[in-house]
Amino acid sequence: MANDDSGTDPVERALRALVYGPVGLACYVKDSAPTFLGLFVSRGQREVANVRRTVGERLGIVTPEPAPPRADPLGTIGRAATQAGAAAATTVTPVVKAGIDAAASALRTVTGTPSPAAAPTPTPASAAGTDGPGEGGSASDLPIPGYDGLSASQVIERLGGLPASALAQIRAYEVAHRGRRTVLASIDQLTD
């Protein structure tokens, strides 16, 4: 019978020590060797140049000159990472936005909800967090405790077993306060 605990199995320990570890180390060295090699070569060239200059100065062959500025590999890496992040953001953002728009459009088609242009906008009173008359009541009256502190996905998880009257109450509160389309669409889907 095989042992389920791979940490105590001698075959698994042997594989980890003799196969997985060396393969992982080799892959790491393969990936990072060019970077380290560049750093080592740069440092070696600086050291040899310093020794040559020092020996030349002592023999009187070379006049002393100021030391060259040191390379800043971390600054270079940081700038490269920043540029790569910016490039990725400009490439990925339109793709993600198009996917979100397509999913929202499909959801509107399936649920029959109006387009975003026709979606209700929060009123100034609701944006400030105050309740005007008939604007959805207060969060303490809702059947979901701590409603205002929940994210849209957390609210959607809790909608499932609620009666239609509770869903209507939550819908009115959501329209009056935050107007999250995902929550409203889920309520509409449950009440249909």
Protein backbone atom coordinates (compact mmCIF):
# COMPACT_ATOMS: atom_id res chain seq x y z
CA MET A 1 0.00 0.00 0.00
CA ALA A 2 1.42 3.37 -1.02
CA ASN A 3 2.02 6.00 1.59
CA ASP A 4 -0.02 9.18 0.93
CA ASP A 5 2.45 11.40 2.79
CA SER A 6 5.08 12.16 0.12
CA GLY A 7 7.38 13.74 2.69
CA THR A 8 8.07 10.40 4.41
CA ASP A 9 8.16 8.14 1.36
CA PRO A 10 11.82 7.19 0.75
CA VAL A 11 11.34 7.00 -3.02
CA GLU A 12 9.79 10.47 -3.10
CA ARG A 13 12.57 11.88 -0.91
CA ALA A 14 15.19 10.34 -3.20
CA LEU A 15 13.46 11.79 -6.29
CA ARG A 16 13.31 15.23 -4.64
CA ALA A 17 16.97 15.16 -3.62
CA LEU A 18 18.48 13.51 -6.68
CA VAL A 19 16.20 14.55 -9.56
CA TYR A 20 13.88 17.49 -8.82
CA GLY A 21 16.41 19.56 -6.88
CA PRO A 22 19.24 19.34 -9.42
CA VAL A 23 16.86 19.91 -12.35
CA GLY A 24 15.39 22.97 -10.63
CA LEU A 25 18.86 24.29 -9.83
CA ALA A 26 19.98 23.77 -13.42
CA CYS A 27 16.94 25.62 -14.75
CA TYR A 28 17.53 28.49 -12.31
CA VAL A 29 21.20 28.74 -13.29
CA LYS A 30 20.27 28.58 -16.98
CA ASP A 31 17.79 31.45 -16.55
CA SER A 32 19.90 33.65 -14.30
CA ALA A 33 23.42 32.90 -15.62
CA PRO A 34 23.45 35.58 -18.35
CA THR A 35 22.50 38.29 -15.86
CA PHE A 36 25.06 37.20 -13.31
CA LEU A 37 27.71 36.71 -15.98
CA GLY A 38 27.20 40.28 -17.16
CA LEU A 39 27.56 41.55 -13.59
CA PHE A 40 30.68 39.45 -13.00
CA VAL A 41 32.32 40.53 -16.27
CA SER A 42 31.59 44.18 -15.53
CA ARG A 43 33.05 43.89 -12.04
CA GLY A 44 36.10 42.01 -13.34
CA GLN A 45 36.77 44.65 -15.99
CA ARG A 46 36.57 47.40 -13.36
CA GLU A 47 38.95 45.56 -11.04
CA VAL A 48 41.51 44.88 -13.80
CA ALA A 49 41.29 48.50 -14.97
CA ASN A 50 41.85 49.69 -11.39
CA VAL A 51 44.92 47.45 -10.97
CA ARG A 52 46.36 48.55 -14.34
CA ARG A 53 45.81 52.19 -13.48
CA THR A 54 47.34 51.78 -10.01
CA VAL A 55 50.41 49.98 -11.39
CA GLY A 56 50.76 52.54 -14.19
CA GLU A 57 50.52 55.43 -11.73
CA ARG A 58 53.20 53.91 -9.47
CA LEU A 59 55.52 53.33 -12.41
CA GLY A 60 54.80 56.81 -13.73
CA ILE A 61 53.46 55.53 -17.05
CA VAL A 62 49.87 56.66 -16.60
CA THR A 63 48.64 59.91 -15.14
CA PRO A 64 45.93 59.53 -12.51
CA GLU A 65 42.43 59.93 -13.89
CA PRO A 66 39.11 59.97 -12.14
CA ALA A 67 37.43 56.61 -11.60
CA PRO A 68 34.66 55.83 -14.06
CA PRO A 69 31.15 56.01 -12.66
CA ARG A 70 29.93 52.69 -11.29
CA ALA A 71 27.13 50.93 -13.09
CA ASP A 72 23.86 50.78 -11.21
CA PRO A 73 22.45 47.36 -12.10
CA LEU A 74 19.52 47.67 -9.69
CA GLY A 75 18.53 51.05 -11.13
CA THR A 76 18.76 49.61 -14.63
CA ILE A 77 16.68 46.59 -13.65
CA GLY A 78 14.13 48.83 -11.94
CA ARG A 79 13.80 51.05 -15.01
CA ALA A 80 13.46 48.00 -17.25
CA ALA A 81 10.79 46.52 -14.97
CA THR A 82 8.88 49.81 -14.94
CA GLN A 83 9.01 50.03 -18.73
CA ALA A 84 7.92 46.40 -19.08
CA GLY A 85 5.04 46.96 -16.67
CA ALA A 86 3.90 50.04 -18.56
CA ALA A 87 4.11 48.19 -21.88
CA ALA A 88 2.15 45.26 -20.45
CA ALA A 89 -0.50 47.58 -19.03
CA THR A 90 -0.99 49.38 -22.33
CA THR A 91 -1.23 46.05 -24.13
CA VAL A 92 -3.40 44.17 -21.66
CA THR A 93 -5.80 46.94 -20.58
CA PRO A 94 -7.67 47.25 -23.92
CA VAL A 95 -7.96 43.47 -24.18
CA VAL A 96 -9.34 43.15 -20.65
CA LYS A 97 -11.73 46.08 -21.19
CA ALA A 98 -13.02 44.53 -24.42
CA GLY A 99 -13.57 41.21 -22.61
CA ILE A 100 -15.43 42.90 -19.77
CA ASP A 101 -17.57 44.88 -22.21
CA ALA A 102 -18.40 41.72 -24.17
CA ALA A 103 -19.29 39.82 -20.98
CA ALA A 104 -21.45 42.70 -19.74
CA SER A 105 -23.20 42.90 -23.10
CA ALA A 106 -23.86 39.15 -23.06
CA LEU A 107 -25.16 39.38 -19.49
CA ARG A 108 -27.49 42.25 -20.45
CA THR A 109 -28.75 40.22 -23.39
CA VAL A 110 -29.41 37.17 -21.24
CA THR A 111 -30.98 39.03 -18.31
CA GLY A 112 -32.74 41.68 -20.36
CA THR A 113 -31.30 44.55 -18.30
CA PRO A 114 -30.87 47.95 -19.93
CA SER A 115 -27.58 49.14 -21.35
CA PRO A 116 -25.16 51.10 -19.13
CA ALA A 117 -26.32 54.38 -20.68
CA ALA A 118 -29.83 53.69 -19.35
CA ALA A 119 -28.63 52.43 -15.96
CA PRO A 120 -29.70 54.54 -13.00
CA THR A 121 -27.08 56.87 -11.61
CA PRO A 122 -26.72 57.41 -7.90
CA THR A 123 -28.23 60.63 -6.62
CA PRO A 124 -26.11 63.15 -4.72
CA ALA A 125 -27.85 62.18 -1.48
CA SER A 126 -27.01 58.52 -1.99
CA ALA A 127 -23.44 59.29 -3.01
CA ALA A 128 -22.95 61.08 0.32
CA GLY A 129 -24.32 58.03 2.14
CA THR A 130 -27.47 59.75 3.42
CA ASP A 131 -30.90 58.39 2.88
CA GLY A 132 -33.60 60.59 1.51
CA PRO A 133 -37.26 59.63 1.72
CA GLY A 134 -38.01 56.51 -0.34
CA GLU A 135 -34.38 55.97 -1.34
CA GLY A 136 -34.01 52.34 -0.30
CA GLY A 137 -34.00 52.67 3.51
CA SER A 138 -30.94 51.93 5.60
CA ALA A 139 -28.48 49.05 5.49
CA SER A 140 -29.54 47.91 8.97
CA ASP A 141 -33.02 47.12 7.59
CA LEU A 142 -31.63 44.75 4.93
CA PRO A 143 -31.81 40.95 5.34
CA ILE A 144 -28.05 40.68 4.71
CA PRO A 145 -26.07 41.79 7.79
CA GLY A 146 -23.15 44.15 7.16
CA TYR A 147 -24.34 44.85 3.61
CA ASP A 148 -22.37 48.08 3.15
CA GLY A 149 -19.10 46.33 3.99
CA LEU A 150 -19.56 43.53 1.44
CA SER A 151 -18.14 43.42 -2.06
CA ALA A 152 -20.44 42.74 -5.02
CA SER A 153 -19.35 39.09 -5.21
CA GLN A 154 -20.01 38.62 -1.48
CA VAL A 155 -23.50 40.11 -1.85
CA ILE A 156 -24.27 37.90 -4.86
CA GLU A 157 -23.26 34.80 -2.85
CA ARG A 158 -25.82 35.69 -0.17
CA LEU A 159 -28.76 36.40 -2.50
CA GLY A 160 -29.57 32.77 -3.32
CA GLY A 161 -32.01 31.76 -0.59
CA LEU A 162 -33.77 35.08 -0.06
CA PRO A 163 -37.49 35.59 -0.75
CA ALA A 164 -38.65 37.94 -3.51
CA SER A 165 -39.62 40.68 -1.01
CA ALA A 166 -36.10 40.69 0.45
CA LEU A 167 -34.59 40.78 -3.04
CA ALA A 168 -36.80 43.76 -3.89
CA GLN A 169 -35.67 45.53 -0.71
CA ILE A 170 -31.99 44.89 -1.50
CA ARG A 171 -32.51 45.99 -5.10
CA ALA A 172 -34.07 49.31 -4.00
CA TYR A 173 -31.22 49.90 -1.56
CA GLU A 174 -28.57 49.03 -4.17
CA VAL A 175 -30.15 51.34 -6.79
CA ALA A 176 -30.30 54.19 -4.28
CA HIS A 177 -26.77 53.81 -2.97
CA ARG A 178 -24.05 52.06 -4.96
CA GLY A 179 -25.83 50.97 -8.15
CA ARG A 180 -23.56 47.96 -8.77
CA ARG A 181 -24.71 46.45 -12.05
CA THR A 182 -23.52 42.95 -11.17
CA VAL A 183 -25.62 42.89 -7.99
CA LEU A 184 -28.66 44.34 -9.76
CA ALA A 185 -28.34 41.86 -12.63
CA SER A 186 -28.12 38.94 -10.19
CA ILE A 187 -31.23 40.14 -8.33
CA ASP A 188 -33.08 40.52 -11.65
CA GLN A 189 -32.01 37.03 -12.65
CA LEU A 190 -33.26 35.55 -9.36
CA THR A 191 -36.62 37.34 -9.55
CA ASP A 192 -37.40 36.30 -13.13
